[in-house]
Amino acid sequence: MKSITISLEMASSVKEFVNITQSYDYEIVIKSGHYVVDAKSILGIFSLDTSKPVTVEIYSDHCEDLLAKLSKFAA
């Protein structure tokens, strides 16, 4: 498992983030406080407080390409 802290304050950022994560087969979740949502679910992400940074957990050991794409959202 790998994790990265990101910021998704703008709705356009959420849409771009979901478009990126949907192209991967492995499980990806977002944690914000006590809440955990599927990172491929735009509605799930909008249910979180996106004004604060969130943690993305990627359940794959071979996800360097995804981490590189998500680095633009790094908090």
Protein backbone atom coordinates (compact mmCIF):
# COMPACT_ATOMS: atom_id res chain seq x y z
CA MET A 1 0.00 0.00 0.00
CA LYS A 2 1.14 3.53 -0.81
CA SER A 3 -0.35 6.80 0.40
CA ILE A 4 -0.19 10.46 -0.55
CA THR A 5 -1.75 13.58 0.93
CA ILE A 6 -3.56 15.72 -1.62
CA SER A 7 -5.77 18.78 -1.82
CA LEU A 8 -9.01 18.81 -3.87
CA GLU A 9 -10.46 22.24 -3.13
CA MET A 10 -11.90 22.94 -6.59
CA ALA A 11 -14.68 20.95 -8.25
CA SER A 12 -12.60 20.77 -11.43
CA SER A 13 -9.78 19.15 -9.43
CA VAL A 14 -12.17 16.50 -8.11
CA LYS A 15 -13.36 15.71 -11.63
CA GLU A 16 -9.81 15.44 -12.96
CA PHE A 17 -8.76 13.29 -9.98
CA VAL A 18 -11.67 10.85 -10.52
CA ASN A 19 -10.91 10.62 -14.25
CA ILE A 20 -7.34 9.62 -13.40
CA THR A 21 -8.22 7.07 -10.71
CA GLN A 22 -10.97 5.37 -12.74
CA SER A 23 -8.41 4.10 -15.24
CA TYR A 24 -6.72 1.87 -12.64
CA ASP A 25 -7.96 -1.59 -11.64
CA TYR A 26 -6.70 -1.67 -8.08
CA GLU A 27 -8.47 -0.30 -5.00
CA ILE A 28 -7.92 3.38 -4.22
CA VAL A 29 -9.58 5.09 -1.25
CA ILE A 30 -9.63 8.57 0.24
CA LYS A 31 -9.52 9.09 3.99
CA SER A 32 -10.66 12.29 5.65
CA GLY A 33 -10.90 12.12 9.42
CA HIS A 34 -13.05 9.10 10.27
CA TYR A 35 -14.50 8.83 6.75
CA VAL A 36 -13.29 6.55 3.97
CA VAL A 37 -14.66 6.76 0.41
CA ASP A 38 -13.89 5.15 -2.92
CA ALA A 39 -11.48 7.45 -4.79
CA LYS A 40 -13.24 6.55 -8.05
CA SER A 41 -16.57 7.95 -6.81
CA ILE A 42 -17.16 11.62 -7.52
CA LEU A 43 -20.20 11.65 -5.20
CA GLY A 44 -18.20 10.00 -2.44
CA ILE A 45 -15.48 12.63 -2.69
CA PHE A 46 -18.00 15.48 -2.66
CA SER A 47 -19.43 14.06 0.57
CA LEU A 48 -16.11 14.86 2.26
CA ASP A 49 -14.80 18.19 3.53
CA THR A 50 -12.52 18.99 0.59
CA SER A 51 -11.43 22.32 2.06
CA LYS A 52 -8.78 20.34 3.99
CA PRO A 53 -6.12 17.98 2.63
CA VAL A 54 -7.12 14.30 2.39
CA THR A 55 -5.10 11.08 2.29
CA VAL A 56 -5.21 8.80 -0.73
CA GLU A 57 -4.38 5.14 -0.10
CA ILE A 58 -3.46 3.01 -3.10
CA TYR A 59 -3.62 -0.74 -2.60
CA SER A 60 -0.92 -1.74 -5.06
CA ASP A 61 2.86 -1.96 -4.84
CA HIS A 62 3.31 -1.06 -8.50
CA CYS A 63 1.64 2.34 -8.74
CA GLU A 64 4.50 4.74 -9.50
CA ASP A 65 2.75 5.99 -12.64
CA LEU A 66 -0.41 6.82 -10.66
CA LEU A 67 1.61 8.57 -7.94
CA ALA A 68 3.29 10.66 -10.62
CA LYS A 69 -0.09 11.70 -12.05
CA LEU A 70 -1.44 12.52 -8.57
CA SER A 71 1.59 14.61 -7.62
CA LYS A 72 -0.11 17.66 -9.19
CA PHE A 73 -2.67 17.50 -6.35
CA ALA A 74 -0.05 17.17 -3.59
CA ALA A 75 -0.82 19.21 -0.49
